[in-house]
Amino acid sequence: ERNFDVTLPKCKLKGGNEYSMNLIKTNL
């Protein structure tokens, strides 16, 4: 369950938000 009082941390591991963004940029 999501706790909206806390901001999602940055995650560079596989599947993480930072990893996925880099993957999308690479694909583009």
mmCIF file of all heavy atoms, coordinates in Angstrom:
data_MODEL
# 
_entry.id   MODEL 
# 
loop_
_atom_site.group_PDB 
_atom_site.id 
_atom_site.type_symbol 
_atom_site.label_atom_id 
_atom_site.label_alt_id 
_atom_site.label_comp_id 
_atom_site.label_asym_id 
_atom_site.label_entity_id 
_atom_site.label_seq_id 
_atom_site.pdbx_PDB_ins_code 
_atom_site.Cartn_x 
_atom_site.Cartn_y 
_atom_site.Cartn_z 
_atom_site.occupancy 
_atom_site.B_iso_or_equiv 
_atom_site.pdbx_formal_charge 
_atom_site.auth_seq_id 
_atom_site.auth_comp_id 
_atom_site.auth_asym_id 
_atom_site.auth_atom_id 
_atom_site.pdbx_PDB_model_num 
ATOM 1   N N   . GLU A 1 1  ? 0.854  -1.193 0.000   1.00 0.00 ? 1  GLU A N   1 
ATOM 2   C CA  . GLU A 1 1  ? 0.000  0.000  0.000   1.00 0.00 ? 1  GLU A CA  1 
ATOM 3   C C   . GLU A 1 1  ? 0.888  1.240  0.000   1.00 0.00 ? 1  GLU A C   1 
ATOM 4   O O   . GLU A 1 1  ? 1.842  1.331  0.776   1.00 0.00 ? 1  GLU A O   1 
ATOM 5   C CB  . GLU A 1 1  ? -0.913 0.003  1.226   1.00 0.00 ? 1  GLU A CB  1 
ATOM 6   C CG  . GLU A 1 1  ? -1.947 1.141  1.177   1.00 0.00 ? 1  GLU A CG  1 
ATOM 7   C CD  . GLU A 1 1  ? -2.933 1.043  2.335   1.00 0.00 ? 1  GLU A CD  1 
ATOM 8   O OE1 . GLU A 1 1  ? -2.489 1.192  3.488   1.00 0.00 ? 1  GLU A OE1 1 
ATOM 9   O OE2 . GLU A 1 1  ? -4.133 0.812  2.083   1.00 0.00 ? 1  GLU A OE2 1 
ATOM 10  N N   . ARG A 1 2  ? 0.535  2.179  -0.843  1.00 0.00 ? 2  ARG A N   1 
ATOM 11  C CA  . ARG A 1 2  ? 1.352  3.400  -1.011  1.00 0.00 ? 2  ARG A CA  1 
ATOM 12  C C   . ARG A 1 2  ? 1.128  4.357  0.140   1.00 0.00 ? 2  ARG A C   1 
ATOM 13  O O   . ARG A 1 2  ? -0.008 4.623  0.555   1.00 0.00 ? 2  ARG A O   1 
ATOM 14  C CB  . ARG A 1 2  ? 0.959  4.077  -2.335  1.00 0.00 ? 2  ARG A CB  1 
ATOM 15  C CG  . ARG A 1 2  ? 1.683  5.380  -2.631  1.00 0.00 ? 2  ARG A CG  1 
ATOM 16  C CD  . ARG A 1 2  ? 3.073  5.135  -3.170  1.00 0.00 ? 2  ARG A CD  1 
ATOM 17  N NE  . ARG A 1 2  ? 3.626  6.356  -3.719  1.00 0.00 ? 2  ARG A NE  1 
ATOM 18  C CZ  . ARG A 1 2  ? 4.352  7.231  -3.020  1.00 0.00 ? 2  ARG A CZ  1 
ATOM 19  N NH1 . ARG A 1 2  ? 4.608  7.023  -1.746  1.00 0.00 ? 2  ARG A NH1 1 
ATOM 20  N NH2 . ARG A 1 2  ? 4.818  8.315  -3.611  1.00 0.00 ? 2  ARG A NH2 1 
ATOM 21  N N   . ASN A 1 3  ? 2.233  4.915  0.651   1.00 0.00 ? 3  ASN A N   1 
ATOM 22  C CA  . ASN A 1 3  ? 2.196  5.962  1.659   1.00 0.00 ? 3  ASN A CA  1 
ATOM 23  C C   . ASN A 1 3  ? 2.505  7.289  0.962   1.00 0.00 ? 3  ASN A C   1 
ATOM 24  O O   . ASN A 1 3  ? 3.652  7.598  0.675   1.00 0.00 ? 3  ASN A O   1 
ATOM 25  C CB  . ASN A 1 3  ? 3.224  5.674  2.752   1.00 0.00 ? 3  ASN A CB  1 
ATOM 26  C CG  . ASN A 1 3  ? 3.228  6.746  3.831   1.00 0.00 ? 3  ASN A CG  1 
ATOM 27  O OD1 . ASN A 1 3  ? 2.361  7.631  3.852   1.00 0.00 ? 3  ASN A OD1 1 
ATOM 28  N ND2 . ASN A 1 3  ? 4.212  6.708  4.718   1.00 0.00 ? 3  ASN A ND2 1 
ATOM 29  N N   . PHE A 1 4  ? 1.452  8.082  0.672   1.00 0.00 ? 4  PHE A N   1 
ATOM 30  C CA  . PHE A 1 4  ? 1.627  9.301  -0.126  1.00 0.00 ? 4  PHE A CA  1 
ATOM 31  C C   . PHE A 1 4  ? 2.280  10.443 0.657   1.00 0.00 ? 4  PHE A C   1 
ATOM 32  O O   . PHE A 1 4  ? 2.594  11.483 0.078   1.00 0.00 ? 4  PHE A O   1 
ATOM 33  C CB  . PHE A 1 4  ? 0.282  9.751  -0.701  1.00 0.00 ? 4  PHE A CB  1 
ATOM 34  C CG  . PHE A 1 4  ? -0.241 8.826  -1.777  1.00 0.00 ? 4  PHE A CG  1 
ATOM 35  C CD1 . PHE A 1 4  ? -1.272 7.952  -1.512  1.00 0.00 ? 4  PHE A CD1 1 
ATOM 36  C CD2 . PHE A 1 4  ? 0.309  8.845  -3.042  1.00 0.00 ? 4  PHE A CD2 1 
ATOM 37  C CE1 . PHE A 1 4  ? -1.756 7.099  -2.490  1.00 0.00 ? 4  PHE A CE1 1 
ATOM 38  C CE2 . PHE A 1 4  ? -0.162 7.999  -4.038  1.00 0.00 ? 4  PHE A CE2 1 
ATOM 39  C CZ  . PHE A 1 4  ? -1.196 7.106  -3.771  1.00 0.00 ? 4  PHE A CZ  1 
ATOM 40  N N   . ASP A 1 5  ? 2.474  10.259 1.951   1.00 0.00 ? 5  ASP A N   1 
ATOM 41  C CA  . ASP A 1 5  ? 3.186  11.266 2.745   1.00 0.00 ? 5  ASP A CA  1 
ATOM 42  C C   . ASP A 1 5  ? 4.695  11.209 2.504   1.00 0.00 ? 5  ASP A C   1 
ATOM 43  O O   . ASP A 1 5  ? 5.419  12.133 2.885   1.00 0.00 ? 5  ASP A O   1 
ATOM 44  C CB  . ASP A 1 5  ? 2.900  11.052 4.247   1.00 0.00 ? 5  ASP A CB  1 
ATOM 45  C CG  . ASP A 1 5  ? 1.432  11.288 4.586   1.00 0.00 ? 5  ASP A CG  1 
ATOM 46  O OD1 . ASP A 1 5  ? 0.803  12.116 3.887   1.00 0.00 ? 5  ASP A OD1 1 
ATOM 47  O OD2 . ASP A 1 5  ? 0.917  10.639 5.510   1.00 0.00 ? 5  ASP A OD2 1 
ATOM 48  N N   . VAL A 1 6  ? 5.122  10.126 1.904   1.00 0.00 ? 6  VAL A N   1 
ATOM 49  C CA  . VAL A 1 6  ? 6.557  9.941  1.645   1.00 0.00 ? 6  VAL A CA  1 
ATOM 50  C C   . VAL A 1 6  ? 6.802  9.920  0.132   1.00 0.00 ? 6  VAL A C   1 
ATOM 51  O O   . VAL A 1 6  ? 6.104  9.226  -0.613  1.00 0.00 ? 6  VAL A O   1 
ATOM 52  C CB  . VAL A 1 6  ? 7.072  8.616  2.269   1.00 0.00 ? 6  VAL A CB  1 
ATOM 53  C CG1 . VAL A 1 6  ? 8.547  8.406  1.943   1.00 0.00 ? 6  VAL A CG1 1 
ATOM 54  C CG2 . VAL A 1 6  ? 6.835  8.615  3.774   1.00 0.00 ? 6  VAL A CG2 1 
ATOM 55  N N   . THR A 1 7  ? 7.785  10.711 -0.304  1.00 0.00 ? 7  THR A N   1 
ATOM 56  C CA  . THR A 1 7  ? 8.132  10.747 -1.732  1.00 0.00 ? 7  THR A CA  1 
ATOM 57  C C   . THR A 1 7  ? 8.878  9.471  -2.112  1.00 0.00 ? 7  THR A C   1 
ATOM 58  O O   . THR A 1 7  ? 9.692  8.964  -1.343  1.00 0.00 ? 7  THR A O   1 
ATOM 59  C CB  . THR A 1 7  ? 9.043  11.959 -2.032  1.00 0.00 ? 7  THR A CB  1 
ATOM 60  O OG1 . THR A 1 7  ? 8.395  13.143 -1.569  1.00 0.00 ? 7  THR A OG1 1 
ATOM 61  C CG2 . THR A 1 7  ? 9.322  12.079 -3.524  1.00 0.00 ? 7  THR A CG2 1 
ATOM 62  N N   . LEU A 1 8  ? 8.562  8.985  -3.293  1.00 0.00 ? 8  LEU A N   1 
ATOM 63  C CA  . LEU A 1 8  ? 9.260  7.785  -3.776  1.00 0.00 ? 8  LEU A CA  1 
ATOM 64  C C   . LEU A 1 8  ? 10.762 8.058  -3.904  1.00 0.00 ? 8  LEU A C   1 
ATOM 65  O O   . LEU A 1 8  ? 11.165 9.058  -4.502  1.00 0.00 ? 8  LEU A O   1 
ATOM 66  C CB  . LEU A 1 8  ? 8.728  7.366  -5.149  1.00 0.00 ? 8  LEU A CB  1 
ATOM 67  C CG  . LEU A 1 8  ? 7.543  6.400  -5.189  1.00 0.00 ? 8  LEU A CG  1 
ATOM 68  C CD1 . LEU A 1 8  ? 7.072  6.235  -6.632  1.00 0.00 ? 8  LEU A CD1 1 
ATOM 69  C CD2 . LEU A 1 8  ? 7.900  5.054  -4.602  1.00 0.00 ? 8  LEU A CD2 1 
ATOM 70  N N   . PRO A 1 9  ? 11.584 7.218  -3.319  1.00 0.00 ? 9  PRO A N   1 
ATOM 71  C CA  . PRO A 1 9  ? 13.037 7.421  -3.449  1.00 0.00 ? 9  PRO A CA  1 
ATOM 72  C C   . PRO A 1 9  ? 13.518 7.129  -4.870  1.00 0.00 ? 9  PRO A C   1 
ATOM 73  O O   . PRO A 1 9  ? 12.817 6.494  -5.641  1.00 0.00 ? 9  PRO A O   1 
ATOM 74  C CB  . PRO A 1 9  ? 13.613 6.399  -2.449  1.00 0.00 ? 9  PRO A CB  1 
ATOM 75  C CG  . PRO A 1 9  ? 12.577 5.334  -2.350  1.00 0.00 ? 9  PRO A CG  1 
ATOM 76  C CD  . PRO A 1 9  ? 11.253 6.015  -2.541  1.00 0.00 ? 9  PRO A CD  1 
ATOM 77  N N   . LYS A 1 10 ? 14.719 7.620  -5.169  1.00 0.00 ? 10 LYS A N   1 
ATOM 78  C CA  . LYS A 1 10 ? 15.321 7.327  -6.470  1.00 0.00 ? 10 LYS A CA  1 
ATOM 79  C C   . LYS A 1 10 ? 15.961 5.943  -6.415  1.00 0.00 ? 10 LYS A C   1 
ATOM 80  O O   . LYS A 1 10 ? 16.621 5.602  -5.434  1.00 0.00 ? 10 LYS A O   1 
ATOM 81  C CB  . LYS A 1 10 ? 16.393 8.370  -6.822  1.00 0.00 ? 10 LYS A CB  1 
ATOM 82  C CG  . LYS A 1 10 ? 15.881 9.800  -6.882  1.00 0.00 ? 10 LYS A CG  1 
ATOM 83  C CD  . LYS A 1 10 ? 14.926 9.998  -8.036  1.00 0.00 ? 10 LYS A CD  1 
ATOM 84  C CE  . LYS A 1 10 ? 14.436 11.443 -8.117  1.00 0.00 ? 10 LYS A CE  1 
ATOM 85  N NZ  . LYS A 1 10 ? 13.432 11.622 -9.178  1.00 0.00 ? 10 LYS A NZ  1 
ATOM 86  N N   . CYS A 1 11 ? 15.738 5.175  -7.450  1.00 0.00 ? 11 CYS A N   1 
ATOM 87  C CA  . CYS A 1 11 ? 16.289 3.821  -7.488  1.00 0.00 ? 11 CYS A CA  1 
ATOM 88  C C   . CYS A 1 11 ? 16.932 3.555  -8.846  1.00 0.00 ? 11 CYS A C   1 
ATOM 89  O O   . CYS A 1 11 ? 16.262 3.591  -9.878  1.00 0.00 ? 11 CYS A O   1 
ATOM 90  C CB  . CYS A 1 11 ? 15.190 2.795  -7.205  1.00 0.00 ? 11 CYS A CB  1 
ATOM 91  S SG  . CYS A 1 11 ? 15.771 1.100  -7.197  1.00 0.00 ? 11 CYS A SG  1 
ATOM 92  N N   . LYS A 1 12 ? 18.234 3.278  -8.831  1.00 0.00 ? 12 LYS A N   1 
ATOM 93  C CA  . LYS A 1 12 ? 18.968 3.023  -10.069 1.00 0.00 ? 12 LYS A CA  1 
ATOM 94  C C   . LYS A 1 12 ? 19.082 1.531  -10.379 1.00 0.00 ? 12 LYS A C   1 
ATOM 95  O O   . LYS A 1 12 ? 19.628 1.155  -11.408 1.00 0.00 ? 12 LYS A O   1 
ATOM 96  C CB  . LYS A 1 12 ? 20.373 3.626  -9.972  1.00 0.00 ? 12 LYS A CB  1 
ATOM 97  C CG  . LYS A 1 12 ? 20.372 5.146  -9.904  1.00 0.00 ? 12 LYS A CG  1 
ATOM 98  C CD  . LYS A 1 12 ? 21.781 5.696  -9.881  1.00 0.00 ? 12 LYS A CD  1 
ATOM 99  C CE  . LYS A 1 12 ? 21.759 7.217  -9.825  1.00 0.00 ? 12 LYS A CE  1 
ATOM 100 N NZ  . LYS A 1 12 ? 23.137 7.777  -9.804  1.00 0.00 ? 12 LYS A NZ  1 
ATOM 101 N N   . LEU A 1 13 ? 18.556 0.718  -9.488  1.00 0.00 ? 13 LEU A N   1 
ATOM 102 C CA  . LEU A 1 13 ? 18.594 -0.728 -9.713  1.00 0.00 ? 13 LEU A CA  1 
ATOM 103 C C   . LEU A 1 13 ? 17.620 -1.131 -10.815 1.00 0.00 ? 13 LEU A C   1 
ATOM 104 O O   . LEU A 1 13 ? 16.716 -0.361 -11.163 1.00 0.00 ? 13 LEU A O   1 
ATOM 105 C CB  . LEU A 1 13 ? 18.255 -1.471 -8.419  1.00 0.00 ? 13 LEU A CB  1 
ATOM 106 C CG  . LEU A 1 13 ? 19.216 -1.230 -7.247  1.00 0.00 ? 13 LEU A CG  1 
ATOM 107 C CD1 . LEU A 1 13 ? 18.644 -1.816 -5.972  1.00 0.00 ? 13 LEU A CD1 1 
ATOM 108 C CD2 . LEU A 1 13 ? 20.582 -1.841 -7.536  1.00 0.00 ? 13 LEU A CD2 1 
ATOM 109 N N   . LYS A 1 14 ? 17.766 -2.333 -11.336 1.00 0.00 ? 14 LYS A N   1 
ATOM 110 C CA  . LYS A 1 14 ? 16.908 -2.797 -12.430 1.00 0.00 ? 14 LYS A CA  1 
ATOM 111 C C   . LYS A 1 14 ? 15.438 -2.727 -12.056 1.00 0.00 ? 14 LYS A C   1 
ATOM 112 O O   . LYS A 1 14 ? 15.028 -3.270 -11.044 1.00 0.00 ? 14 LYS A O   1 
ATOM 113 C CB  . LYS A 1 14 ? 17.275 -4.234 -12.818 1.00 0.00 ? 14 LYS A CB  1 
ATOM 114 C CG  . LYS A 1 14 ? 18.545 -4.327 -13.637 1.00 0.00 ? 14 LYS A CG  1 
ATOM 115 C CD  . LYS A 1 14 ? 18.757 -5.733 -14.155 1.00 0.00 ? 14 LYS A CD  1 
ATOM 116 C CE  . LYS A 1 14 ? 19.997 -5.782 -15.041 1.00 0.00 ? 14 LYS A CE  1 
ATOM 117 N NZ  . LYS A 1 14 ? 20.232 -7.143 -15.576 1.00 0.00 ? 14 LYS A NZ  1 
ATOM 118 N N   . GLY A 1 15 ? 14.661 -2.030 -12.894 1.00 0.00 ? 15 GLY A N   1 
ATOM 119 C CA  . GLY A 1 15 ? 13.236 -1.854 -12.626 1.00 0.00 ? 15 GLY A CA  1 
ATOM 120 C C   . GLY A 1 15 ? 12.922 -0.556 -11.920 1.00 0.00 ? 15 GLY A C   1 
ATOM 121 O O   . GLY A 1 15 ? 11.799 -0.074 -11.947 1.00 0.00 ? 15 GLY A O   1 
ATOM 122 N N   . GLY A 1 16 ? 13.924 0.052  -11.275 1.00 0.00 ? 16 GLY A N   1 
ATOM 123 C CA  . GLY A 1 16 ? 13.724 1.298  -10.540 1.00 0.00 ? 16 GLY A CA  1 
ATOM 124 C C   . GLY A 1 16 ? 13.403 2.474  -11.440 1.00 0.00 ? 16 GLY A C   1 
ATOM 125 O O   . GLY A 1 16 ? 13.588 2.408  -12.660 1.00 0.00 ? 16 GLY A O   1 
ATOM 126 N N   . ASN A 1 17 ? 12.922 3.598  -10.839 1.00 0.00 ? 17 ASN A N   1 
ATOM 127 C CA  . ASN A 1 17 ? 12.513 4.763  -11.641 1.00 0.00 ? 17 ASN A CA  1 
ATOM 128 C C   . ASN A 1 17 ? 13.677 5.398  -12.419 1.00 0.00 ? 17 ASN A C   1 
ATOM 129 O O   . ASN A 1 17 ? 13.528 5.789  -13.566 1.00 0.00 ? 17 ASN A O   1 
ATOM 130 C CB  . ASN A 1 17 ? 11.801 5.802  -10.769 1.00 0.00 ? 17 ASN A CB  1 
ATOM 131 C CG  . ASN A 1 17 ? 12.478 5.996  -9.423  1.00 0.00 ? 17 ASN A CG  1 
ATOM 132 O OD1 . ASN A 1 17 ? 13.648 5.652  -9.244  1.00 0.00 ? 17 ASN A OD1 1 
ATOM 133 N ND2 . ASN A 1 17 ? 11.743 6.531  -8.459  1.00 0.00 ? 17 ASN A ND2 1 
ATOM 134 N N   . GLU A 1 18 ? 14.835 5.502  -11.765 1.00 0.00 ? 18 GLU A N   1 
ATOM 135 C CA  . GLU A 1 18 ? 15.999 6.080  -12.456 1.00 0.00 ? 18 GLU A CA  1 
ATOM 136 C C   . GLU A 1 18 ? 16.489 5.150  -13.568 1.00 0.00 ? 18 GLU A C   1 
ATOM 137 O O   . GLU A 1 18 ? 16.822 5.593  -14.658 1.00 0.00 ? 18 GLU A O   1 
ATOM 138 C CB  . GLU A 1 18 ? 17.142 6.313  -11.451 1.00 0.00 ? 18 GLU A CB  1 
ATOM 139 C CG  . GLU A 1 18 ? 16.875 7.432  -10.458 1.00 0.00 ? 18 GLU A CG  1 
ATOM 140 C CD  . GLU A 1 18 ? 16.936 8.801  -11.114 1.00 0.00 ? 18 GLU A CD  1 
ATOM 141 O OE1 . GLU A 1 18 ? 17.980 9.142  -11.680 1.00 0.00 ? 18 GLU A OE1 1 
ATOM 142 O OE2 . GLU A 1 18 ? 15.928 9.519  -11.084 1.00 0.00 ? 18 GLU A OE2 1 
ATOM 143 N N   . TYR A 1 19 ? 16.502 3.869  -13.272 1.00 0.00 ? 19 TYR A N   1 
ATOM 144 C CA  . TYR A 1 19 ? 16.928 2.871  -14.260 1.00 0.00 ? 19 TYR A CA  1 
ATOM 145 C C   . TYR A 1 19 ? 15.993 2.890  -15.465 1.00 0.00 ? 19 TYR A C   1 
ATOM 146 O O   . TYR A 1 19 ? 16.440 2.888  -16.610 1.00 0.00 ? 19 TYR A O   1 
ATOM 147 C CB  . TYR A 1 19 ? 16.920 1.473  -13.623 1.00 0.00 ? 19 TYR A CB  1 
ATOM 148 C CG  . TYR A 1 19 ? 17.175 0.344  -14.596 1.00 0.00 ? 19 TYR A CG  1 
ATOM 149 C CD1 . TYR A 1 19 ? 18.474 -0.039 -14.922 1.00 0.00 ? 19 TYR A CD1 1 
ATOM 150 C CD2 . TYR A 1 19 ? 16.110 -0.334 -15.190 1.00 0.00 ? 19 TYR A CD2 1 
ATOM 151 C CE1 . TYR A 1 19 ? 18.703 -1.068 -15.827 1.00 0.00 ? 19 TYR A CE1 1 
ATOM 152 C CE2 . TYR A 1 19 ? 16.341 -1.363 -16.094 1.00 0.00 ? 19 TYR A CE2 1 
ATOM 153 C CZ  . TYR A 1 19 ? 17.632 -1.737 -16.399 1.00 0.00 ? 19 TYR A CZ  1 
ATOM 154 O OH  . TYR A 1 19 ? 17.846 -2.760 -17.288 1.00 0.00 ? 19 TYR A OH  1 
ATOM 155 N N   . SER A 1 20 ? 14.686 2.928  -15.207 1.00 0.00 ? 20 SER A N   1 
ATOM 156 C CA  . SER A 1 20 ? 13.692 2.892  -16.286 1.00 0.00 ? 20 SER A CA  1 
ATOM 157 C C   . SER A 1 20 ? 13.784 4.133  -17.167 1.00 0.00 ? 20 SER A C   1 
ATOM 158 O O   . SER A 1 20 ? 13.659 4.053  -18.389 1.00 0.00 ? 20 SER A O   1 
ATOM 159 C CB  . SER A 1 20 ? 12.287 2.768  -15.702 1.00 0.00 ? 20 SER A CB  1 
ATOM 160 O OG  . SER A 1 20 ? 12.181 1.590  -14.927 1.00 0.00 ? 20 SER A OG  1 
ATOM 161 N N   . MET A 1 21 ? 14.010 5.309  -16.545 1.00 0.00 ? 21 MET A N   1 
ATOM 162 C CA  . MET A 1 21 ? 14.132 6.548  -17.316 1.00 0.00 ? 21 MET A CA  1 
ATOM 163 C C   . MET A 1 21 ? 15.337 6.489  -18.240 1.00 0.00 ? 21 MET A C   1 
ATOM 164 O O   . MET A 1 21 ? 15.271 6.885  -19.404 1.00 0.00 ? 21 MET A O   1 
ATOM 165 C CB  . MET A 1 21 ? 14.250 7.756  -16.379 1.00 0.00 ? 21 MET A CB  1 
ATOM 166 C CG  . MET A 1 21 ? 12.946 8.150  -15.701 1.00 0.00 ? 21 MET A CG  1 
ATOM 167 S SD  . MET A 1 21 ? 11.613 8.537  -16.882 1.00 0.00 ? 21 MET A SD  1 
ATOM 168 C CE  . MET A 1 21 ? 12.294 9.992  -17.672 1.00 0.00 ? 21 MET A CE  1 
ATOM 169 N N   . ASN A 1 22 ? 16.456 5.997  -17.698 1.00 0.00 ? 22 ASN A N   1 
ATOM 170 C CA  . ASN A 1 22 ? 17.667 5.870  -18.513 1.00 0.00 ? 22 ASN A CA  1 
ATOM 171 C C   . ASN A 1 22 ? 17.457 4.883  -19.651 1.00 0.00 ? 22 ASN A C   1 
ATOM 172 O O   . ASN A 1 22 ? 17.944 5.077  -20.762 1.00 0.00 ? 22 ASN A O   1 
ATOM 173 C CB  . ASN A 1 22 ? 18.853 5.411  -17.649 1.00 0.00 ? 22 ASN A CB  1 
ATOM 174 C CG  . ASN A 1 22 ? 19.298 6.493  -16.677 1.00 0.00 ? 22 ASN A CG  1 
ATOM 175 O OD1 . ASN A 1 22 ? 19.118 7.676  -16.939 1.00 0.00 ? 22 ASN A OD1 1 
ATOM 176 N ND2 . ASN A 1 22 ? 19.861 6.094  -15.555 1.00 0.00 ? 22 ASN A ND2 1 
ATOM 177 N N   . LEU A 1 23 ? 16.707 3.825  -19.344 1.00 0.00 ? 23 LEU A N   1 
ATOM 178 C CA  . LEU A 1 23 ? 16.411 2.812  -20.359 1.00 0.00 ? 23 LEU A CA  1 
ATOM 179 C C   . LEU A 1 23 ? 15.563 3.403  -21.482 1.00 0.00 ? 23 LEU A C   1 
ATOM 180 O O   . LEU A 1 23 ? 15.807 3.158  -22.667 1.00 0.00 ? 23 LEU A O   1 
ATOM 181 C CB  . LEU A 1 23 ? 15.684 1.631  -19.713 1.00 0.00 ? 23 LEU A CB  1 
ATOM 182 C CG  . LEU A 1 23 ? 15.657 0.319  -20.482 1.00 0.00 ? 23 LEU A CG  1 
ATOM 183 C CD1 . LEU A 1 23 ? 17.067 -0.240 -20.626 1.00 0.00 ? 23 LEU A CD1 1 
ATOM 184 C CD2 . LEU A 1 23 ? 14.775 -0.698 -19.790 1.00 0.00 ? 23 LEU A CD2 1 
ATOM 185 N N   . ILE A 1 24 ? 14.561 4.207  -21.102 1.00 0.00 ? 24 ILE A N   1 
ATOM 186 C CA  . ILE A 1 24 ? 13.676 4.856  -22.090 1.00 0.00 ? 24 ILE A CA  1 
ATOM 187 C C   . ILE A 1 24 ? 14.485 5.813  -22.967 1.00 0.00 ? 24 ILE A C   1 
ATOM 188 O O   . ILE A 1 24 ? 14.334 5.838  -24.181 1.00 0.00 ? 24 ILE A O   1 
ATOM 189 C CB  . ILE A 1 24 ? 12.522 5.605  -21.389 1.00 0.00 ? 24 ILE A CB  1 
ATOM 190 C CG1 . ILE A 1 24 ? 11.541 4.595  -20.778 1.00 0.00 ? 24 ILE A CG1 1 
ATOM 191 C CG2 . ILE A 1 24 ? 11.789 6.519  -22.358 1.00 0.00 ? 24 ILE A CG2 1 
ATOM 192 C CD1 . ILE A 1 24 ? 10.569 5.190  -19.791 1.00 0.00 ? 24 ILE A CD1 1 
ATOM 193 N N   . LYS A 1 25 ? 15.365 6.613  -22.320 1.00 0.00 ? 25 LYS A N   1 
ATOM 194 C CA  . LYS A 1 25 ? 16.201 7.555  -23.077 1.00 0.00 ? 25 LYS A CA  1 
ATOM 195 C C   . LYS A 1 25 ? 17.095 6.809  -24.059 1.00 0.00 ? 25 LYS A C   1 
ATOM 196 O O   . LYS A 1 25 ? 17.269 7.217  -25.213 1.00 0.00 ? 25 LYS A O   1 
ATOM 197 C CB  . LYS A 1 25 ? 17.060 8.377  -22.119 1.00 0.00 ? 25 LYS A CB  1 
ATOM 198 C CG  . LYS A 1 25 ? 16.279 9.442  -21.368 1.00 0.00 ? 25 LYS A CG  1 
ATOM 199 C CD  . LYS A 1 25 ? 17.177 10.161 -20.375 1.00 0.00 ? 25 LYS A CD  1 
ATOM 200 C CE  . LYS A 1 25 ? 16.367 11.175 -19.556 1.00 0.00 ? 25 LYS A CE  1 
ATOM 201 N NZ  . LYS A 1 25 ? 17.204 11.814 -18.520 1.00 0.00 ? 25 LYS A NZ  1 
ATOM 202 N N   . THR A 1 26 ? 17.662 5.710  -23.587 1.00 0.00 ? 26 THR A N   1 
ATOM 203 C CA  . THR A 1 26 ? 18.529 4.894  -24.455 1.00 0.00 ? 26 THR A CA  1 
ATOM 204 C C   . THR A 1 26 ? 17.753 4.358  -25.637 1.00 0.00 ? 26 THR A C   1 
ATOM 205 O O   . THR A 1 26 ? 18.215 4.410  -26.784 1.00 0.00 ? 26 THR A O   1 
ATOM 206 C CB  . THR A 1 26 ? 19.126 3.715  -23.653 1.00 0.00 ? 26 THR A CB  1 
ATOM 207 O OG1 . THR A 1 26 ? 19.816 4.234  -22.516 1.00 0.00 ? 26 THR A OG1 1 
ATOM 208 C CG2 . THR A 1 26 ? 20.106 2.917  -24.506 1.00 0.00 ? 26 THR A CG2 1 
ATOM 209 N N   . ASN A 1 27 ? 16.544 3.854  -25.368 1.00 0.00 ? 27 ASN A N   1 
ATOM 210 C CA  . ASN A 1 27 ? 15.697 3.311  -26.432 1.00 0.00 ? 27 ASN A CA  1 
ATOM 211 C C   . ASN A 1 27 ? 15.319 4.378  -27.445 1.00 0.00 ? 27 ASN A C   1 
ATOM 212 O O   . ASN A 1 27 ? 15.288 4.133  -28.649 1.00 0.00 ? 27 ASN A O   1 
ATOM 213 C CB  . ASN A 1 27 ? 14.434 2.681  -25.852 1.00 0.00 ? 27 ASN A CB  1 
ATOM 214 C CG  . ASN A 1 27 ? 14.726 1.363  -25.154 1.00 0.00 ? 27 ASN A CG  1 
ATOM 215 O OD1 . ASN A 1 27 ? 15.727 0.725  -25.440 1.00 0.00 ? 27 ASN A OD1 1 
ATOM 216 N ND2 . ASN A 1 27 ? 13.871 0.958  -24.245 1.00 0.00 ? 27 ASN A ND2 1 
ATOM 217 N N   . LEU A 1 28 ? 15.012 5.597  -26.930 1.00 0.00 ? 28 LEU A N   1 
ATOM 218 C CA  . LEU A 1 28 ? 14.651 6.701  -27.824 1.00 0.00 ? 28 LEU A CA  1 
ATOM 219 C C   . LEU A 1 28 ? 15.822 7.082  -28.716 1.00 0.00 ? 28 LEU A C   1 
ATOM 220 O O   . LEU A 1 28 ? 15.656 7.329  -29.913 1.00 0.00 ? 28 LEU A O   1 
ATOM 221 C CB  . LEU A 1 28 ? 14.199 7.917  -27.006 1.00 0.00 ? 28 LEU A CB  1 
ATOM 222 C CG  . LEU A 1 28 ? 12.800 7.827  -26.380 1.00 0.00 ? 28 LEU A CG  1 
ATOM 223 C CD1 . LEU A 1 28 ? 12.567 9.001  -25.445 1.00 0.00 ? 28 LEU A CD1 1 
ATOM 224 C CD2 . LEU A 1 28 ? 11.719 7.799  -27.450 1.00 0.00 ? 28 LEU A CD2 1 
# 
